[in-house]
Amino acid sequence: MPNQPPNEVIKISQLTKDFKISESKPGFMGSIRGLFSWETRNKRALDGISMEIKKGDFVGYVGENGAGKSTTIKILTGILVPTSGEVTVNGLVPYENRIENAKKIGVVFGQRTQLWWDLPVGESFDLLKAIYEIPHKDYEANLAYLGEILALKDLLSVPVRKLSLGQRMRCDIVAALLHEPEIVFLDEPTIGLDLIAKDQVRKFLKKINAEKRTTIFLTTHDMGDIDYLCERIVILDEGKIIFDGLRDELKKLYGRTRVVEVEFQEENPGIRFDNGLQVIREENRKKWISFDRKDHKASEVLTSIINSAPVKDIYLHEAGVAEIVKTIYEKVS
């Protein structure tokens, strides 16, 4: 029986990365002395993280600024060498096989472009075709497929410098996918985008993940990206993984708070709630009432509200990923 390719496309074991940071003494004389000698301290960006990512996974990698997200991506793409631990991407050690690794991955950094600033978009794509040695037939097919989904037909003749941020981001994503990489690393791909552009990018990423089983590793501060796109969420705090699991599991474990949005028939019905029910927002005839799902059954809360005053409309909200992640960080800080 022929050897089957491994299902894990990314394997990380006890990965650590330290940086040396120069420090100078305070004050004017400290600055002068710092011109001739300086002290350094060790900053640990990653502290023994381990994870495995399988083909077709869509993983959201979440953490505050400085948590180690970008450092992880730079190691996985071969830009940085870890201090210790092991990492393979498609069976390759990325920092030892940078060129071969680059041919099998795609990378998008939200605020940096891989397109040539003064060239039309189409010519930038042609250059990437040559760099990645993409066969002409495959290149034409990939560009047609990607261009249609992201509506690039009218942008191919436009110089990159004249694109809006949303247009440029769509083009950058296509540039990262022209050579059909098995894995795509996305670092803040929707940062600064308006709602329409953000929606286009999200739907596109979900489509290629479903249709082509492209493995996607996403870092973002936009919890809307995570909630819409990612089945699996990895949360990083000060270089350590504090959660790694399915989105629904995260909500089940940490999403204790639920909110009832209720519109009463009368304005200011003058009702009061106790036993852990709390009005967290009011607007005209509407009230938003929160409760802990471990202390109250949703059915009992809804019945209590309906019996308190005539109700026009009522809706139960589950806890969102943004709220849950905030709760987790508050607990570990």
Protein backbone atom coordinates (compact mmCIF):
# COMPACT_ATOMS: atom_id res chain seq x y z
CA MET A 1 0.00 0.00 0.00
CA PRO A 2 1.52 3.38 -1.00
CA ASN A 3 2.47 5.84 1.72
CA GLN A 4 -0.32 8.30 2.43
CA PRO A 5 0.57 11.97 2.92
CA PRO A 6 0.25 13.13 6.55
CA ASN A 7 -3.05 14.75 7.44
CA GLU A 8 -1.33 17.41 9.55
CA VAL A 9 -0.01 20.23 7.36
CA ILE A 10 1.37 22.23 10.31
CA LYS A 11 2.99 20.64 13.36
CA ILE A 12 4.36 22.74 16.21
CA SER A 13 5.97 21.22 19.29
CA GLN A 14 7.22 23.18 22.32
CA LEU A 15 8.00 26.21 20.16
CA THR A 16 9.88 29.01 21.93
CA LYS A 17 11.16 32.34 20.62
CA ASP A 18 13.26 34.80 22.61
CA PHE A 19 14.34 38.27 21.58
CA LYS A 20 17.19 40.34 22.98
CA ILE A 21 16.02 43.86 23.78
CA SER A 22 18.47 46.69 24.36
CA GLU A 23 17.86 48.94 27.35
CA SER A 24 19.43 52.27 28.27
CA LYS A 25 19.63 53.97 31.65
CA PRO A 26 17.11 56.77 32.30
CA GLY A 27 18.01 60.43 31.97
CA PHE A 28 20.38 62.40 29.79
CA MET A 29 23.56 60.74 31.05
CA GLY A 30 21.95 57.36 30.58
CA SER A 31 21.31 58.22 26.93
CA ILE A 32 24.95 59.32 26.52
CA ARG A 33 26.25 56.10 28.06
CA GLY A 34 23.90 54.16 25.83
CA LEU A 35 25.84 55.41 22.78
CA PHE A 36 28.88 53.41 23.92
CA SER A 37 27.46 50.51 25.89
CA TRP A 38 24.05 49.08 26.58
CA GLU A 39 22.34 46.39 28.56
CA THR A 40 20.04 43.77 27.14
CA ARG A 41 17.19 41.76 28.57
CA ASN A 42 15.48 38.66 27.30
CA LYS A 43 11.90 38.96 26.00
CA ARG A 44 10.07 35.67 25.49
CA ALA A 45 7.58 36.09 22.64
CA LEU A 46 6.56 32.41 22.44
CA ASP A 47 6.68 30.14 25.47
CA GLY A 48 6.56 26.46 24.52
CA ILE A 49 3.45 26.41 22.30
CA SER A 50 2.29 23.20 20.60
CA MET A 51 -0.47 22.56 18.06
CA GLU A 52 -1.33 20.56 14.96
CA ILE A 53 -3.36 21.87 12.05
CA LYS A 54 -4.94 19.51 9.53
CA LYS A 55 -5.58 20.01 5.85
CA GLY A 56 -8.70 22.09 5.25
CA ASP A 57 -8.77 23.61 8.76
CA PHE A 58 -9.74 27.26 9.12
CA VAL A 59 -8.00 28.37 12.31
CA GLY A 60 -8.45 31.70 14.05
CA TYR A 61 -5.34 32.70 16.00
CA VAL A 62 -6.37 35.29 18.57
CA GLY A 63 -4.41 37.39 21.04
CA GLU A 64 -3.75 40.91 22.24
CA ASN A 65 -0.92 43.01 20.82
CA GLY A 66 2.38 41.43 21.82
CA ALA A 67 0.84 38.02 22.53
CA GLY A 68 3.06 36.35 19.89
CA LYS A 69 0.72 36.00 16.88
CA SER A 70 2.94 37.67 14.28
CA THR A 71 6.03 35.93 15.66
CA THR A 72 4.31 32.57 15.10
CA ILE A 73 3.46 33.43 11.49
CA LYS A 74 7.01 34.64 10.81
CA ILE A 75 8.40 31.33 12.07
CA LEU A 76 5.88 29.30 10.04
CA THR A 77 6.75 31.24 6.90
CA GLY A 78 10.50 30.91 7.45
CA ILE A 79 11.23 34.56 8.24
CA LEU A 80 12.30 33.87 11.84
CA VAL A 81 14.26 31.01 13.41
CA PRO A 82 12.86 29.74 16.73
CA THR A 83 14.96 29.65 19.88
CA SER A 84 13.89 26.07 20.59
CA GLY A 85 11.21 23.55 19.70
CA GLU A 86 10.18 21.96 16.44
CA VAL A 87 7.97 23.14 13.58
CA THR A 88 7.13 21.71 10.18
CA VAL A 89 4.91 23.08 7.40
CA ASN A 90 3.92 20.52 4.76
CA GLY A 91 6.68 18.32 6.13
CA LEU A 92 9.33 21.03 5.73
CA VAL A 93 11.21 22.94 8.40
CA PRO A 94 10.33 26.44 7.11
CA TYR A 95 13.46 28.36 8.15
CA GLU A 96 15.69 25.62 6.68
CA ASN A 97 13.74 25.31 3.41
CA ARG A 98 12.58 28.87 2.81
CA ILE A 99 12.30 28.77 -0.99
CA GLU A 100 10.61 25.38 -1.15
CA ASN A 101 8.28 26.37 1.70
CA ALA A 102 7.38 29.67 0.00
CA LYS A 103 6.22 27.79 -3.10
CA LYS A 104 3.63 25.89 -1.06
CA ILE A 105 2.21 28.71 1.05
CA GLY A 106 0.47 32.03 0.52
CA VAL A 107 0.86 35.02 2.84
CA VAL A 108 -1.16 38.21 3.22
CA PHE A 109 -0.18 40.97 5.65
CA GLY A 110 -2.97 43.51 6.03
CA GLN A 111 -0.91 46.69 5.79
CA ARG A 112 1.79 45.44 3.40
CA THR A 113 1.39 44.61 -0.25
CA GLN A 114 3.28 42.09 -2.37
CA LEU A 115 2.23 43.89 -5.54
CA TRP A 116 4.44 46.35 -7.44
CA TRP A 117 3.31 49.87 -6.56
CA ASP A 118 3.62 51.54 -9.98
CA LEU A 119 2.62 48.58 -12.15
CA PRO A 120 -0.93 47.70 -13.19
CA VAL A 121 -2.42 44.86 -11.18
CA GLY A 122 -2.36 42.47 -14.15
CA GLU A 123 1.38 42.99 -14.71
CA SER A 124 2.06 42.33 -11.03
CA PHE A 125 0.19 39.05 -11.39
CA ASP A 126 2.28 38.21 -14.50
CA LEU A 127 5.48 38.75 -12.52
CA LEU A 128 4.23 36.45 -9.76
CA LYS A 129 3.45 33.86 -12.42
CA ALA A 130 7.11 33.94 -13.47
CA ILE A 131 8.43 33.93 -9.88
CA TYR A 132 6.35 30.91 -8.90
CA GLU A 133 6.84 29.25 -12.32
CA ILE A 134 3.10 28.70 -12.73
CA PRO A 135 2.21 26.89 -15.98
CA HIS A 136 0.35 29.26 -18.31
CA LYS A 137 -2.81 27.11 -18.45
CA ASP A 138 -2.99 26.87 -14.64
CA TYR A 139 -2.29 30.59 -14.27
CA GLU A 140 -5.11 31.57 -16.63
CA ALA A 141 -7.55 29.20 -14.93
CA ASN A 142 -6.63 30.36 -11.42
CA LEU A 143 -6.81 34.05 -12.33
CA ALA A 144 -10.20 33.57 -13.98
CA TYR A 145 -11.57 31.68 -10.96
CA LEU A 146 -10.20 34.05 -8.33
CA GLY A 147 -10.86 37.19 -10.35
CA GLU A 148 -14.51 36.33 -10.90
CA ILE A 149 -15.19 35.66 -7.21
CA LEU A 150 -13.50 38.89 -6.09
CA ALA A 151 -14.63 41.00 -9.08
CA LEU A 152 -11.19 42.03 -10.35
CA LYS A 153 -11.97 42.38 -14.07
CA ASP A 154 -12.00 46.19 -14.01
CA LEU A 155 -8.90 46.41 -11.78
CA LEU A 156 -6.32 44.51 -13.84
CA SER A 157 -5.25 47.60 -15.81
CA VAL A 158 -5.22 49.93 -12.78
CA PRO A 159 -1.82 50.78 -11.17
CA VAL A 160 -1.61 49.38 -7.66
CA ARG A 161 -0.98 52.85 -6.17
CA LYS A 162 -4.42 53.98 -7.42
CA LEU A 163 -6.37 51.20 -5.73
CA SER A 164 -8.48 51.78 -2.65
CA LEU A 165 -7.55 49.78 0.44
CA GLY A 166 -10.39 47.33 -0.15
CA GLN A 167 -9.47 46.86 -3.82
CA ARG A 168 -5.80 46.39 -2.98
CA MET A 169 -6.62 43.81 -0.32
CA ARG A 170 -8.69 41.79 -2.79
CA CYS A 171 -5.79 41.89 -5.24
CA ASP A 172 -3.29 40.89 -2.56
CA ILE A 173 -5.38 37.87 -1.64
CA VAL A 174 -5.51 36.80 -5.30
CA ALA A 175 -1.73 37.30 -5.56
CA ALA A 176 -1.23 34.99 -2.58
CA LEU A 177 -3.41 32.28 -4.15
CA LEU A 178 -2.35 32.32 -7.82
CA HIS A 179 0.06 29.40 -7.34
CA GLU A 180 -2.60 27.33 -5.51
CA PRO A 181 -0.86 27.12 -2.12
CA GLU A 182 -1.90 24.40 0.27
CA ILE A 183 -1.78 26.80 3.22
CA VAL A 184 -2.58 30.52 3.43
CA PHE A 185 -1.41 32.70 6.32
CA LEU A 186 -3.52 35.83 6.79
CA ASP A 187 -2.36 38.54 9.20
CA GLU A 188 -5.13 41.13 9.74
CA PRO A 189 -6.57 40.77 6.20
CA THR A 190 -9.63 42.97 6.86
CA ILE A 191 -7.94 45.76 8.82
CA GLY A 192 -9.19 49.17 7.72
CA LEU A 193 -11.77 47.80 5.28
CA ASP A 194 -15.30 49.14 5.03
CA LEU A 195 -18.23 46.81 5.67
CA ILE A 196 -18.80 45.92 2.00
CA ALA A 197 -15.14 45.13 1.29
CA LYS A 198 -14.90 43.16 4.54
CA ASP A 199 -17.95 41.11 3.61
CA GLN A 200 -16.48 40.34 0.16
CA VAL A 201 -13.20 39.13 1.64
CA ARG A 202 -14.91 37.00 4.29
CA LYS A 203 -17.22 35.27 1.80
CA PHE A 204 -14.33 34.63 -0.56
CA LEU A 205 -12.16 33.04 2.14
CA LYS A 206 -15.02 30.84 3.27
CA LYS A 207 -15.63 29.75 -0.33
CA ILE A 208 -12.05 28.69 -1.14
CA ASN A 209 -11.75 26.91 2.19
CA ALA A 210 -14.91 24.92 1.44
CA GLU A 211 -14.35 24.30 -2.30
CA LYS A 212 -10.58 23.81 -2.49
CA ARG A 213 -9.90 22.66 1.10
CA THR A 214 -7.28 25.37 1.40
CA THR A 215 -5.91 25.42 4.94
CA ILE A 216 -6.20 28.95 6.34
CA PHE A 217 -4.40 30.33 9.39
CA LEU A 218 -5.91 33.68 10.33
CA THR A 219 -4.78 36.27 12.86
CA THR A 220 -7.03 39.24 13.46
CA HIS A 221 -8.31 41.64 16.10
CA ASP A 222 -11.70 41.66 14.38
CA MET A 223 -13.80 39.11 16.24
CA GLY A 224 -16.36 39.35 13.44
CA ASP A 225 -13.81 37.62 11.19
CA ILE A 226 -13.33 34.86 13.75
CA ASP A 227 -17.05 34.38 14.42
CA TYR A 228 -17.95 34.23 10.72
CA LEU A 229 -15.02 32.21 9.38
CA CYS A 230 -13.30 30.00 11.94
CA GLU A 231 -14.50 26.66 13.26
CA ARG A 232 -11.40 26.35 15.44
CA ILE A 233 -9.99 29.08 17.67
CA VAL A 234 -6.56 29.24 19.32
CA ILE A 235 -6.16 31.97 21.96
CA LEU A 236 -2.67 33.18 22.82
CA ASP A 237 -1.72 35.15 25.92
CA GLU A 238 1.85 36.31 26.64
CA GLY A 239 3.29 33.64 24.37
CA LYS A 240 1.23 30.75 25.78
CA ILE A 241 -1.83 29.01 24.38
CA ILE A 242 -4.70 29.35 26.85
CA PHE A 243 -7.42 27.84 24.64
CA ASP A 244 -7.40 25.59 21.58
CA GLY A 245 -10.72 24.17 20.44
CA LEU A 246 -13.88 24.56 18.40
CA ARG A 247 -15.76 27.86 18.37
CA ASP A 248 -18.90 26.21 19.72
CA GLU A 249 -16.85 24.62 22.53
CA LEU A 250 -15.47 28.05 23.42
CA LYS A 251 -18.97 29.47 23.64
CA LYS A 252 -20.16 26.54 25.74
CA LEU A 253 -17.26 26.80 28.20
CA TYR A 254 -17.02 30.56 28.56
CA GLY A 255 -20.16 32.08 27.08
CA ARG A 256 -22.13 32.18 30.31
CA THR A 257 -23.72 35.57 29.81
CA ARG A 258 -26.75 35.81 27.54
CA VAL A 259 -28.74 38.90 26.66
CA VAL A 260 -32.46 39.30 26.03
CA GLU A 261 -33.44 42.17 23.75
CA VAL A 262 -37.03 43.10 24.45
CA GLU A 263 -39.30 45.78 23.00
CA PHE A 264 -42.24 46.64 25.24
CA GLN A 265 -45.55 47.97 23.97
CA GLU A 266 -45.34 50.95 26.31
CA GLU A 267 -42.49 53.36 26.86
CA ASN A 268 -40.86 53.17 30.31
CA PRO A 269 -43.02 50.33 31.65
CA GLY A 270 -41.43 50.88 35.08
CA ILE A 271 -40.57 47.27 35.79
CA ARG A 272 -37.72 46.06 38.00
CA PHE A 273 -35.73 42.88 37.81
CA ASP A 274 -33.90 41.01 40.56
CA ASN A 275 -32.30 37.59 41.08
CA GLY A 276 -29.38 38.32 38.76
CA LEU A 277 -31.28 39.89 35.85
CA GLN A 278 -29.65 43.19 34.90
CA VAL A 279 -30.73 45.91 32.48
CA ILE A 280 -27.52 46.80 30.64
CA ARG A 281 -28.99 49.15 28.02
CA GLU A 282 -32.21 51.10 27.36
CA GLU A 283 -33.43 52.81 24.21
CA ASN A 284 -36.99 54.13 23.90
CA ARG A 285 -39.22 51.08 24.40
CA LYS A 286 -36.34 48.62 24.18
CA LYS A 287 -34.33 47.11 26.99
CA TRP A 288 -31.37 44.74 26.91
CA ILE A 289 -31.37 42.41 29.92
CA SER A 290 -28.40 40.16 30.76
CA PHE A 291 -28.31 36.99 32.85
CA ASP A 292 -25.96 34.14 33.69
CA ARG A 293 -26.98 30.93 31.92
CA LYS A 294 -25.68 28.86 34.85
CA ASP A 295 -28.02 30.60 37.27
CA HIS A 296 -31.11 30.95 35.07
CA LYS A 297 -32.84 28.94 32.38
CA ALA A 298 -33.57 31.00 29.27
CA SER A 299 -37.20 29.86 29.25
CA GLU A 300 -37.70 31.09 32.82
CA VAL A 301 -36.12 34.47 32.06
CA LEU A 302 -38.28 34.96 28.95
CA THR A 303 -41.42 34.03 30.89
CA SER A 304 -40.51 36.45 33.68
CA ILE A 305 -40.03 39.32 31.22
CA ILE A 306 -43.23 38.60 29.29
CA ASN A 307 -45.23 38.51 32.54
CA SER A 308 -43.72 41.80 33.77
CA ALA A 309 -45.32 44.04 31.10
CA PRO A 310 -46.92 43.84 27.63
CA VAL A 311 -44.22 42.86 25.12
CA LYS A 312 -44.15 43.72 21.40
CA ASP A 313 -41.02 41.74 20.42
CA ILE A 314 -38.35 39.70 22.19
CA TYR A 315 -35.05 38.15 21.05
CA LEU A 316 -32.43 36.04 22.85
CA HIS A 317 -28.76 36.75 22.02
CA GLU A 318 -25.99 34.22 22.52
CA ALA A 319 -22.64 35.48 23.78
CA GLY A 320 -20.38 36.55 20.90
CA VAL A 321 -16.74 35.55 20.44
CA ALA A 322 -15.54 39.09 21.20
CA GLU A 323 -17.28 39.11 24.57
CA ILE A 324 -16.02 35.62 25.43
CA VAL A 325 -12.40 36.40 24.54
CA LYS A 326 -12.56 39.55 26.64
CA THR A 327 -13.86 37.50 29.57
CA ILE A 328 -11.04 34.98 29.21
CA TYR A 329 -8.37 37.69 29.22
CA GLU A 330 -9.93 39.30 32.28
CA LYS A 331 -9.67 35.98 34.11
CA VAL A 332 -6.01 35.31 33.24
CA SER A 333 -4.79 38.88 33.78
